[in-house]
Protein backbone atom coordinates (compact mmCIF):
# COMPACT_ATOMS: atom_id res chain seq x y z
CA MET A 1 0.00 0.00 0.00
CA SER A 2 1.40 3.38 -0.91
CA GLU A 3 1.54 6.24 1.55
CA ALA A 4 -1.06 8.10 -0.53
CA ASN A 5 -3.66 5.44 0.42
CA CYS A 6 -3.08 5.68 4.18
CA VAL A 7 -5.79 7.16 6.34
CA THR A 8 -4.88 9.10 9.45
CA LYS A 9 -6.50 8.37 12.80
CA THR A 10 -8.23 11.76 12.59
CA GLU A 11 -9.61 11.02 9.11
CA LEU A 12 -10.85 7.60 10.26
CA THR A 13 -12.46 9.10 13.37
CA GLU A 14 -14.27 11.72 11.29
CA ALA A 15 -15.43 9.15 8.73
CA VAL A 16 -16.90 6.86 11.39
CA ARG A 17 -18.46 9.83 13.23
CA SER A 18 -20.09 10.84 9.96
CA ALA A 19 -21.57 7.34 9.56
CA VAL A 20 -22.94 7.42 13.12
CA GLN A 21 -24.36 10.90 12.49
CA ASP A 22 -26.16 9.55 9.41
CA ARG A 23 -27.84 6.90 11.59
CA ALA A 24 -28.78 9.59 14.09
CA ALA A 25 -30.32 11.69 11.32
CA TRP A 26 -32.36 8.71 10.09
CA LEU A 27 -33.74 8.15 13.59
CA TYR A 28 -34.56 11.83 14.07
CA LEU A 29 -36.30 12.14 10.70
CA LEU A 30 -38.26 8.90 11.18
CA ILE A 31 -39.50 10.05 14.59
CA LYS A 32 -40.50 13.44 13.14
CA GLU A 33 -42.46 11.72 10.35
CA PHE A 34 -44.18 9.38 12.79
CA GLN A 35 -45.19 12.37 14.90
CA ALA A 36 -46.42 14.28 11.83
CA ALA A 37 -48.50 11.23 10.84
CA GLY A 38 -50.21 11.29 14.23
CA TYR A 39 -48.45 8.38 15.93
CA GLU A 40 -48.65 8.93 19.67
CA THR A 41 -46.20 6.22 20.71
CA ASP A 42 -42.60 5.31 20.02
CA GLU A 43 -43.15 1.64 20.88
CA PRO A 44 -42.57 0.36 17.30
CA VAL A 45 -39.30 2.34 17.16
CA LYS A 46 -38.21 0.98 20.55
CA LYS A 47 -38.98 -2.58 19.47
CA ALA A 48 -37.11 -2.18 16.18
CA LEU A 49 -34.04 -0.72 17.87
CA PHE A 50 -34.10 -3.46 20.52
CA LYS A 51 -34.21 -6.09 17.76
CA TYR A 52 -31.31 -4.35 16.01
CA GLY A 53 -29.29 -4.64 19.23
CA GLN A 54 -30.20 -8.32 19.49
CA LEU A 55 -28.95 -8.89 15.93
CA ASN A 56 -25.63 -7.33 16.88
CA SER A 57 -25.34 -9.41 20.07
CA ARG A 58 -25.58 -12.60 18.01
CA LYS A 59 -22.51 -11.53 16.03
CA MET A 60 -20.45 -11.29 19.23
CA GLY A 61 -20.74 -14.92 20.35
CA ALA A 62 -20.79 -16.09 23.96
CA ILE A 63 -20.04 -13.20 26.32
CA THR A 64 -19.98 -13.81 30.07
CA SER A 65 -18.00 -10.92 31.54
CA PRO A 66 -17.77 -7.14 31.19
CA LYS A 67 -14.24 -7.56 29.84
CA ALA A 68 -15.42 -9.95 27.13
CA PHE A 69 -18.31 -7.58 26.32
CA PHE A 70 -16.04 -4.56 25.90
CA ASP A 71 -13.54 -6.65 23.92
CA GLY A 72 -16.45 -7.73 21.70
CA ILE A 73 -17.74 -4.23 20.97
CA GLY A 74 -14.20 -3.05 20.37
CA ALA A 75 -13.24 -5.98 18.14
CA THR A 76 -12.27 -3.76 15.22
CA GLY A 77 -9.79 -1.83 17.35
CA ASN A 78 -11.25 1.46 16.12
CA ALA A 79 -14.83 1.14 17.45
CA GLY A 80 -14.26 3.67 20.20
CA LEU A 81 -12.79 6.40 18.00
CA PRO A 82 -16.03 8.25 17.13
CA PHE A 83 -16.97 8.39 20.80
CA ALA A 84 -13.53 9.32 22.16
CA ARG A 85 -13.81 6.26 24.39
CA GLU A 86 -11.74 6.09 27.56
CA ASP A 87 -11.27 2.85 29.47
CA MET A 88 -11.89 3.63 33.14
CA GLY A 89 -11.30 0.07 34.25
CA VAL A 90 -12.60 -3.17 32.81
CA GLY A 91 -12.49 -6.46 34.62
CA THR A 92 -14.38 -9.71 34.94
CA ASP A 93 -17.14 -8.33 37.22
CA LYS A 94 -17.41 -4.67 36.19
CA GLY A 95 -16.34 -2.49 33.31
CA VAL A 96 -16.60 1.27 32.90
CA TYR A 97 -16.01 3.37 29.80
CA HIS A 98 -16.33 7.12 29.48
CA LEU A 99 -17.46 8.30 26.07
CA HIS A 100 -16.34 11.92 25.68
CA HIS A 101 -18.02 12.62 22.34
CA CYS A 102 -21.43 11.66 20.99
CA PRO A 103 -21.90 11.90 17.23
CA LEU A 104 -25.61 11.17 17.72
CA VAL A 105 -26.13 14.19 19.98
CA GLU A 106 -24.02 16.30 17.63
CA ALA A 107 -26.18 15.29 14.65
CA TRP A 108 -29.43 15.93 16.52
CA LYS A 109 -28.25 19.38 17.57
CA ASN A 110 -27.27 20.15 13.96
CA LEU A 111 -30.75 19.08 12.84
CA GLY A 112 -32.31 21.55 15.29
CA ALA A 113 -33.53 19.13 17.94
CA THR A 114 -34.40 20.69 21.30
CA SER A 115 -32.72 19.57 24.52
CA GLU A 116 -35.85 17.59 25.43
CA GLU A 117 -35.92 15.93 22.01
CA ILE A 118 -32.24 15.01 22.31
CA ILE A 119 -32.83 13.35 25.68
CA HIS A 120 -35.79 11.45 24.21
CA LEU A 121 -33.80 10.40 21.13
CA CYS A 122 -30.97 9.21 23.35
CA ASP A 123 -33.45 7.14 25.36
CA LEU A 124 -34.70 5.62 22.10
CA ALA A 125 -31.17 4.91 20.88
CA TYR A 126 -30.49 3.18 24.20
CA CYS A 127 -33.08 0.56 23.17
CA GLY A 128 -30.43 -0.74 20.75
CA ASP A 129 -27.94 -1.00 23.61
CA ALA A 130 -30.58 -2.78 25.73
CA GLY A 131 -31.14 -5.23 22.88
CA LEU A 132 -27.40 -5.79 22.62
CA ILE A 133 -26.91 -6.55 26.32
CA SER A 134 -30.02 -8.77 26.34
CA GLY A 135 -28.01 -11.31 24.37
CA PHE A 136 -25.81 -11.80 27.43
CA PRO A 137 -28.13 -12.80 30.30
CA GLY A 138 -25.42 -12.63 32.95
CA LEU A 139 -24.67 -8.95 32.29
CA ASP A 140 -26.32 -5.61 32.99
CA LEU A 141 -25.70 -2.32 31.18
CA LYS A 142 -26.46 1.18 32.33
CA PHE A 143 -25.42 4.71 31.54
CA ASN A 144 -24.95 6.70 34.74
CA GLU A 145 -24.27 9.95 32.91
CA THR A 146 -25.02 11.04 29.35
CA ILE A 147 -23.95 13.85 27.09
CA ALA A 148 -27.60 14.11 25.98
CA LYS A 149 -28.55 15.20 29.51
CA GLY A 150 -25.74 17.74 29.66
CA ASP A 151 -23.08 15.65 31.38
CA ALA A 152 -19.46 15.98 30.26
CA TYR A 153 -19.41 12.36 29.01
CA CYS A 154 -21.49 9.23 28.83
CA GLU A 155 -20.53 6.71 31.49
CA MET A 156 -21.15 3.20 30.20
CA VAL A 157 -21.14 0.58 32.97
CA VAL A 158 -21.40 -3.16 32.43
CA THR A 159 -21.66 -5.42 35.46
CA ARG A 160 -21.89 -9.14 35.99
CA ARG A 161 -25.09 -10.23 37.79
């Protein structure tokens, strides 16, 4: 491979952030259209996102510890780049990551979403995470802090039951 074909870490980060922002825009626009059509519930969206998470959990294989979970979601080695992921300690019983950037929130802000809408969209997006963790019955996932709610980072915590 010639040097001209190399991609810098910054270029890769921006490219992946752009892809995540595209998904965020799809979600935002779909919700807006559902609302405009008179739908009064997000339940179909929640179910679809949960199923999407379940599909992704099947790709990861048997996961029984927070360490294996975080290794699984970071399998490409670059999965944390768009979120500026920081490992705060990951072991066999508990793992904590801080995500210092959220391309989803950034996209929603750029699309004109209000603070309340951003919190709601983040809650919806979490349904995908809930679907993902549901594939690993011995683990729990929660976000103690979120950028959507105005915190400095998202704190992603996975614990063994």
